[in-house]
């Protein structure tokens, strides 16, 4: 997200259902003032992209040739 210009980030959130407002000091917040709307916009985009969210306890990180390539589940 840090690599995206602020205008593009704002368009992303508004496109994904999080209406924004700009307050003093050019700080941007959801109109609702609820962080849940920010996470909801991210979840909406993940759904559009077909991202599957897995929630498991992780036993460890799988490393091959010095790079993380997966997780070992309990």
PDB file of N, CA and C in Angstrom:
ATOM      1  N   UNK A   1       0.816  -1.192   0.000  1.00  0.00           N
ATOM      2  CA  UNK A   1       0.000   0.000   0.000  1.00  0.00           C
ATOM      3  C   UNK A   1       0.863   1.260   0.000  1.00  0.00           C
ATOM      4  N   UNK A   2       2.035   1.217   0.639  1.00  0.00           N
ATOM      5  CA  UNK A   2       2.885   2.401   0.707  1.00  0.00           C
ATOM      6  C   UNK A   2       3.376   2.828  -0.673  1.00  0.00           C
ATOM      7  N   UNK A   3       3.404   1.913  -1.629  1.00  0.00           N
ATOM      8  CA  UNK A   3       3.894   2.229  -2.971  1.00  0.00           C
ATOM      9  C   UNK A   3       2.819   2.894  -3.830  1.00  0.00           C
ATOM     10  N   UNK A   4       1.585   2.941  -3.370  1.00  0.00           N
ATOM     11  CA  UNK A   4       0.495   3.531  -4.155  1.00  0.00           C
ATOM     12  C   UNK A   4       0.284   4.986  -3.756  1.00  0.00           C
ATOM     13  N   UNK A   5       0.058   5.863  -4.715  1.00  0.00           N
ATOM     14  CA  UNK A   5      -0.240   7.265  -4.368  1.00  0.00           C
ATOM     15  C   UNK A   5      -1.567   7.344  -3.600  1.00  0.00           C
ATOM     16  N   UNK A   6      -1.709   8.327  -2.701  1.00  0.00           N
ATOM     17  CA  UNK A   6      -2.919   8.434  -1.879  1.00  0.00           C
ATOM     18  C   UNK A   6      -4.225   8.439  -2.674  1.00  0.00           C
ATOM     19  N   UNK A   7      -4.245   9.100  -3.820  1.00  0.00           N
ATOM     20  CA  UNK A   7      -5.473   9.153  -4.620  1.00  0.00           C
ATOM     21  C   UNK A   7      -5.890   7.758  -5.072  1.00  0.00           C
ATOM     22  N   UNK A   8      -4.931   6.939  -5.428  1.00  0.00           N
ATOM     23  CA  UNK A   8      -5.235   5.588  -5.885  1.00  0.00           C
ATOM     24  C   UNK A   8      -5.738   4.727  -4.722  1.00  0.00           C
ATOM     25  N   UNK A   9      -5.152   4.898  -3.547  1.00  0.00           N
ATOM     26  CA  UNK A   9      -5.598   4.166  -2.360  1.00  0.00           C
ATOM     27  C   UNK A   9      -7.043   4.553  -2.030  1.00  0.00           C
ATOM     28  N   UNK A  10      -7.334   5.849  -2.098  1.00  0.00           N
ATOM     29  CA  UNK A  10      -8.689   6.308  -1.818  1.00  0.00           C
ATOM     30  C   UNK A  10      -9.689   5.731  -2.820  1.00  0.00           C
ATOM     31  N   UNK A  11      -9.340   5.715  -4.084  1.00  0.00           N
ATOM     32  CA  UNK A  11     -10.225   5.138  -5.108  1.00  0.00           C
ATOM     33  C   UNK A  11     -10.455   3.660  -4.849  1.00  0.00           C
ATOM     34  N   UNK A  12      -9.392   2.937  -4.443  1.00  0.00           N
ATOM     35  CA  UNK A  12      -9.508   1.516  -4.131  1.00  0.00           C
ATOM     36  C   UNK A  12     -10.564   1.291  -3.053  1.00  0.00           C
ATOM     37  N   UNK A  13     -10.446   2.032  -1.946  1.00  0.00           N
ATOM     38  CA  UNK A  13     -11.382   1.823  -0.843  1.00  0.00           C
ATOM     39  C   UNK A  13     -12.802   2.229  -1.217  1.00  0.00           C
ATOM     40  N   UNK A  14     -12.956   3.331  -1.928  1.00  0.00           N
ATOM     41  CA  UNK A  14     -14.293   3.756  -2.327  1.00  0.00           C
ATOM     42  C   UNK A  14     -14.913   2.771  -3.314  1.00  0.00           C
ATOM     43  N   UNK A  15     -14.124   2.244  -4.245  1.00  0.00           N
ATOM     44  CA  UNK A  15     -14.615   1.243  -5.194  1.00  0.00           C
ATOM     45  C   UNK A  15     -15.104  -0.001  -4.466  1.00  0.00           C
ATOM     46  N   UNK A  16     -14.470  -0.302  -3.344  1.00  0.00           N
ATOM     47  CA  UNK A  16     -14.808  -1.504  -2.580  1.00  0.00           C
ATOM     48  C   UNK A  16     -15.765  -1.228  -1.423  1.00  0.00           C
ATOM     49  N   UNK A  17     -16.499  -0.112  -1.509  1.00  0.00           N
ATOM     50  CA  UNK A  17     -17.600   0.130  -0.595  1.00  0.00           C
ATOM     51  C   UNK A  17     -17.286   0.879   0.675  1.00  0.00           C
ATOM     52  N   UNK A  18     -16.103   1.469   0.791  1.00  0.00           N
ATOM     53  CA  UNK A  18     -15.750   2.222   1.994  1.00  0.00           C
ATOM     54  C   UNK A  18     -15.726   3.709   1.645  1.00  0.00           C
ATOM     55  N   UNK A  19     -16.835   4.387   1.907  1.00  0.00           N
ATOM     56  CA  UNK A  19     -16.921   5.821   1.623  1.00  0.00           C
ATOM     57  C   UNK A  19     -15.968   6.568   2.558  1.00  0.00           C
ATOM     58  N   UNK A  20     -15.245   7.545   2.009  1.00  0.00           N
ATOM     59  CA  UNK A  20     -14.209   8.241   2.769  1.00  0.00           C
ATOM     60  C   UNK A  20     -14.530   9.717   2.976  1.00  0.00           C
ATOM     61  N   UNK A  21     -13.891  10.281   4.000  1.00  0.00           N
ATOM     62  CA  UNK A  21     -13.971  11.724   4.259  1.00  0.00           C
ATOM     63  C   UNK A  21     -12.565  12.216   4.567  1.00  0.00           C
ATOM     64  N   UNK A  22     -12.299  13.464   4.246  1.00  0.00           N
ATOM     65  CA  UNK A  22     -10.995  14.076   4.535  1.00  0.00           C
ATOM     66  C   UNK A  22     -11.200  15.100   5.636  1.00  0.00           C
ATOM     67  N   UNK A  23     -10.395  14.977   6.685  1.00  0.00           N
ATOM     68  CA  UNK A  23     -10.482  15.898   7.824  1.00  0.00           C
ATOM     69  C   UNK A  23      -9.274  16.808   7.841  1.00  0.00           C
ATOM     70  N   UNK A  24      -9.198  17.654   8.859  1.00  0.00           N
ATOM     71  CA  UNK A  24      -8.100  18.616   8.943  1.00  0.00           C
ATOM     72  C   UNK A  24      -6.756  17.904   8.831  1.00  0.00           C
ATOM     73  N   UNK A  25      -5.815  18.584   8.240  1.00  0.00           N
ATOM     74  CA  UNK A  25      -4.497  17.995   8.037  1.00  0.00           C
ATOM     75  C   UNK A  25      -4.474  16.971   6.914  1.00  0.00           C
ATOM     76  N   UNK A  26      -5.521  16.968   6.072  1.00  0.00           N
ATOM     77  CA  UNK A  26      -5.643  16.021   4.952  1.00  0.00           C
ATOM     78  C   UNK A  26      -5.629  14.571   5.399  1.00  0.00           C
ATOM     79  N   UNK A  27      -6.122  14.301   6.608  1.00  0.00           N
ATOM     80  CA  UNK A  27      -6.232  12.923   7.086  1.00  0.00           C
ATOM     81  C   UNK A  27      -7.530  12.332   6.570  1.00  0.00           C
ATOM     82  N   UNK A  28      -7.466  11.085   6.102  1.00  0.00           N
ATOM     83  CA  UNK A  28      -8.617  10.437   5.472  1.00  0.00           C
ATOM     84  C   UNK A  28      -9.111   9.296   6.362  1.00  0.00           C
ATOM     85  N   UNK A  29     -10.439   9.262   6.546  1.00  0.00           N
ATOM     86  CA  UNK A  29     -11.076   8.255   7.393  1.00  0.00           C
ATOM     87  C   UNK A  29     -12.330   7.745   6.695  1.00  0.00           C
ATOM     88  N   UNK A  30     -12.823   6.566   7.108  1.00  0.00           N
ATOM     89  CA  UNK A  30     -14.137   6.144   6.624  1.00  0.00           C
ATOM     90  C   UNK A  30     -15.191   7.114   7.147  1.00  0.00           C
ATOM     91  N   UNK A  31     -16.198   7.403   6.343  1.00  0.00           N
ATOM     92  CA  UNK A  31     -17.285   8.283   6.760  1.00  0.00           C
ATOM     93  C   UNK A  31     -17.916   7.753   8.049  1.00  0.00           C
ATOM     94  N   UNK A  32     -17.964   6.449   8.192  1.00  0.00           N
ATOM     95  CA  UNK A  32     -18.579   5.820   9.357  1.00  0.00           C
ATOM     96  C   UNK A  32     -17.708   5.908  10.615  1.00  0.00           C
ATOM     97  N   UNK A  33     -16.424   6.242  10.446  1.00  0.00           N
ATOM     98  CA  UNK A  33     -15.448   6.237  11.537  1.00  0.00           C
ATOM     99  C   UNK A  33     -15.244   4.833  12.117  1.00  0.00           C
ATOM    100  N   UNK A  34     -15.521   3.801  11.332  1.00  0.00           N
ATOM    101  CA  UNK A  34     -15.353   2.422  11.808  1.00  0.00           C
ATOM    102  C   UNK A  34     -14.255   1.715  11.014  1.00  0.00           C
ATOM    103  N   UNK A  35     -13.259   1.208  11.726  1.00  0.00           N
ATOM    104  CA  UNK A  35     -12.181   0.456  11.088  1.00  0.00           C
ATOM    105  C   UNK A  35     -12.712  -0.784  10.388  1.00  0.00           C
ATOM    106  N   UNK A  36     -13.837  -1.302  10.865  1.00  0.00           N
ATOM    107  CA  UNK A  36     -14.454  -2.484  10.266  1.00  0.00           C
ATOM    108  C   UNK A  36     -14.784  -2.248   8.790  1.00  0.00           C
ATOM    109  N   UNK A  37     -15.083  -0.996   8.415  1.00  0.00           N
ATOM    110  CA  UNK A  37     -15.377  -0.698   7.014  1.00  0.00           C
ATOM    111  C   UNK A  37     -14.126  -0.781   6.145  1.00  0.00           C
ATOM    112  N   UNK A  38     -12.973  -0.468   6.718  1.00  0.00           N
ATOM    113  CA  UNK A  38     -11.701  -0.606   5.993  1.00  0.00           C
ATOM    114  C   UNK A  38     -11.419  -2.084   5.748  1.00  0.00           C
ATOM    115  N   UNK A  39     -11.515  -2.894   6.794  1.00  0.00           N
ATOM    116  CA  UNK A  39     -11.261  -4.332   6.619  1.00  0.00           C
ATOM    117  C   UNK A  39     -12.312  -4.960   5.714  1.00  0.00           C
ATOM    118  N   UNK A  40     -13.537  -4.448   5.763  1.00  0.00           N
ATOM    119  CA  UNK A  40     -14.581  -4.956   4.878  1.00  0.00           C
ATOM    120  C   UNK A  40     -14.269  -4.691   3.417  1.00  0.00           C
ATOM    121  N   UNK A  41     -13.711  -3.521   3.120  1.00  0.00           N
ATOM    122  CA  UNK A  41     -13.330  -3.203   1.740  1.00  0.00           C
ATOM    123  C   UNK A  41     -12.229  -4.142   1.256  1.00  0.00           C
ATOM    124  N   UNK A  42     -11.286  -4.435   2.131  1.00  0.00           N
ATOM    125  CA  UNK A  42     -10.211  -5.378   1.763  1.00  0.00           C
ATOM    126  C   UNK A  42     -10.784  -6.766   1.520  1.00  0.00           C
ATOM    127  N   UNK A  43     -11.715  -7.190   2.361  1.00  0.00           N
ATOM    128  CA  UNK A  43     -12.351  -8.502   2.182  1.00  0.00           C
ATOM    129  C   UNK A  43     -13.157  -8.549   0.892  1.00  0.00           C
ATOM    130  N   UNK A  44     -13.823  -7.450   0.557  1.00  0.00           N
ATOM    131  CA  UNK A  44     -14.591  -7.391  -0.691  1.00  0.00           C
ATOM    132  C   UNK A  44     -13.685  -7.623  -1.893  1.00  0.00           C
ATOM    133  N   UNK A  45     -12.541  -6.958  -1.915  1.00  0.00           N
ATOM    134  CA  UNK A  45     -11.611  -7.125  -3.033  1.00  0.00           C
ATOM    135  C   UNK A  45     -11.046  -8.538  -3.067  1.00  0.00           C
ATOM    136  N   UNK A  46     -10.742  -9.094  -1.904  1.00  0.00           N
ATOM    137  CA  UNK A  46     -10.247 -10.475  -1.855  1.00  0.00           C
ATOM    138  C   UNK A  46     -11.286 -11.427  -2.446  1.00  0.00           C
ATOM    139  N   UNK A  47     -12.560 -11.202  -2.128  1.00  0.00           N
ATOM    140  CA  UNK A  47     -13.633 -12.039  -2.672  1.00  0.00           C
ATOM    141  C   UNK A  47     -13.705 -11.907  -4.189  1.00  0.00           C
ATOM    142  N   UNK A  48     -13.601 -10.665  -4.684  1.00  0.00           N
ATOM    143  CA  UNK A  48     -13.623 -10.433  -6.136  1.00  0.00           C
ATOM    144  C   UNK A  48     -12.494 -11.188  -6.840  1.00  0.00           C
ATOM    145  N   UNK A  49     -11.338 -11.245  -6.182  1.00  0.00           N
ATOM    146  CA  UNK A  49     -10.165 -11.892  -6.783  1.00  0.00           C
ATOM    147  C   UNK A  49     -10.134 -13.399  -6.559  1.00  0.00           C
ATOM    148  N   UNK A  50     -11.100 -13.918  -5.805  1.00  0.00           N
ATOM    149  CA  UNK A  50     -11.155 -15.347  -5.554  1.00  0.00           C
ATOM    150  C   UNK A  50     -10.135 -15.836  -4.538  1.00  0.00           C
ATOM    151  N   UNK A  51      -9.721 -14.957  -3.639  1.00  0.00           N
ATOM    152  CA  UNK A  51      -8.741 -15.325  -2.622  1.00  0.00           C
ATOM    153  C   UNK A  51      -9.412 -16.209  -1.579  1.00  0.00           C
ATOM    154  N   UNK A  52      -8.777 -17.320  -1.248  1.00  0.00           N
ATOM    155  CA  UNK A  52      -9.255 -18.204  -0.198  1.00  0.00           C
ATOM    156  C   UNK A  52      -8.496 -17.900   1.078  1.00  0.00           C
ATOM    157  N   UNK A  53      -9.228 -17.639   2.143  1.00  0.00           N
ATOM    158  CA  UNK A  53      -8.610 -17.340   3.435  1.00  0.00           C
ATOM    159  C   UNK A  53      -8.650 -18.611   4.275  1.00  0.00           C
ATOM    160  N   UNK A  54      -7.499 -19.026   4.744  1.00  0.00           N
ATOM    161  CA  UNK A  54      -7.390 -20.196   5.603  1.00  0.00           C
ATOM    162  C   UNK A  54      -7.021 -19.746   7.000  1.00  0.00           C
ATOM    163  N   UNK A  55      -7.647 -20.329   7.981  1.00  0.00           N
ATOM    164  CA  UNK A  55      -7.331 -20.003   9.362  1.00  0.00           C
ATOM    165  C   UNK A  55      -6.985 -21.295  10.094  1.00  0.00           C
ATOM    166  N   UNK A  56      -5.711 -21.485  10.329  1.00  0.00           N
ATOM    167  CA  UNK A  56      -5.215 -22.674  11.011  1.00  0.00           C
ATOM    168  C   UNK A  56      -4.116 -22.268  11.975  1.00  0.00           C
ATOM    169  N   UNK A  57      -3.852 -23.114  12.919  1.00  0.00           N
ATOM    170  CA  UNK A  57      -2.679 -22.916  13.767  1.00  0.00           C
ATOM    171  C   UNK A  57      -1.466 -23.404  12.991  1.00  0.00           C
ATOM    172  N   UNK A  58      -0.426 -22.600  13.012  1.00  0.00           N
ATOM    173  CA  UNK A  58       0.781 -22.917  12.266  1.00  0.00           C
ATOM    174  C   UNK A  58       1.813 -23.536  13.204  1.00  0.00           C
ATOM    175  N   UNK A  59       2.380 -24.649  12.763  1.00  0.00           N
ATOM    176  CA  UNK A  59       3.416 -25.343  13.537  1.00  0.00           C
ATOM    177  C   UNK A  59       4.785 -24.749  13.233  1.00  0.00           C
ATOM    178  N   UNK A  60       4.985 -24.332  11.989  1.00  0.00           N
ATOM    179  CA  UNK A  60       6.265 -23.764  11.606  1.00  0.00           C
ATOM    180  C   UNK A  60       6.252 -23.277  10.171  1.00  0.00           C
ATOM    181  N   UNK A  61       7.327 -22.639   9.785  1.00  0.00           N
ATOM    182  CA  UNK A  61       7.488 -22.131   8.425  1.00  0.00           C
ATOM    183  C   UNK A  61       8.362 -23.095   7.642  1.00  0.00           C
ATOM    184  N   UNK A  62       7.940 -23.433   6.437  1.00  0.00           N
ATOM    185  CA  UNK A  62       8.710 -24.319   5.569  1.00  0.00           C
ATOM    186  C   UNK A  62       9.698 -23.467   4.783  1.00  0.00           C
ATOM    187  N   UNK A  63      10.975 -23.804   4.885  1.00  0.00           N
ATOM    188  CA  UNK A  63      12.030 -23.048   4.209  1.00  0.00           C
ATOM    189  C   UNK A  63      12.757 -23.983   3.257  1.00  0.00           C
ATOM    190  N   UNK A  64      12.902 -23.549   2.018  1.00  0.00           N
ATOM    191  CA  UNK A  64      13.671 -24.296   1.017  1.00  0.00           C
ATOM    192  C   UNK A  64      14.640 -23.340   0.349  1.00  0.00           C
ATOM    193  N   UNK A  65      15.871 -23.720   0.285  1.00  0.00           N
ATOM    194  CA  UNK A  65      16.937 -22.927  -0.329  1.00  0.00           C
ATOM    195  C   UNK A  65      16.970 -21.502   0.237  1.00  0.00           C
ATOM    196  N   UNK A  66      16.770 -21.386   1.546  1.00  0.00           N
ATOM    197  CA  UNK A  66      16.860 -20.112   2.218  1.00  0.00           C
ATOM    198  C   UNK A  66      15.667 -19.190   2.086  1.00  0.00           C
ATOM    199  N   UNK A  67      14.575 -19.675   1.471  1.00  0.00           N
ATOM    200  CA  UNK A  67      13.378 -18.844   1.292  1.00  0.00           C
ATOM    201  C   UNK A  67      12.154 -19.529   1.871  1.00  0.00           C
ATOM    202  N   UNK A  68      11.302 -18.734   2.509  1.00  0.00           N
ATOM    203  CA  UNK A  68      10.046 -19.281   3.012  1.00  0.00           C
ATOM    204  C   UNK A  68       9.168 -19.648   1.825  1.00  0.00           C
ATOM    205  N   UNK A  69       8.613 -20.854   1.835  1.00  0.00           N
ATOM    206  CA  UNK A  69       7.782 -21.296   0.711  1.00  0.00           C
ATOM    207  C   UNK A  69       6.459 -21.901   1.160  1.00  0.00           C
ATOM    208  N   UNK A  70       6.214 -21.901   2.470  1.00  0.00           N
ATOM    209  CA  UNK A  70       4.959 -22.454   2.942  1.00  0.00           C
ATOM    210  C   UNK A  70       4.922 -22.505   4.455  1.00  0.00           C
ATOM    211  N   UNK A  71       3.870 -23.124   4.962  1.00  0.00           N
ATOM    212  CA  UNK A  71       3.733 -23.296   6.402  1.00  0.00           C
ATOM    213  C   UNK A  71       3.388 -24.739   6.708  1.00  0.00           C
ATOM    214  N   UNK A  72       3.844 -25.200   7.858  1.00  0.00           N
ATOM    215  CA  UNK A  72       3.498 -26.529   8.345  1.00  0.00           C
ATOM    216  C   UNK A  72       2.352 -26.337   9.337  1.00  0.00           C
ATOM    217  N   UNK A  73       1.244 -27.035   9.104  1.00  0.00           N
ATOM    218  CA  UNK A  73       0.082 -26.902   9.972  1.00  0.00           C
ATOM    219  C   UNK A  73       0.129 -27.932  11.077  1.00  0.00           C
ATOM    220  N   UNK A  74      -0.505 -27.585  12.185  1.00  0.00           N
ATOM    221  CA  UNK A  74      -0.561 -28.519  13.324  1.00  0.00           C
ATOM    222  C   UNK A  74      -1.508 -29.636  13.027  1.00  0.00           C
TER     223      UNK A  74
END
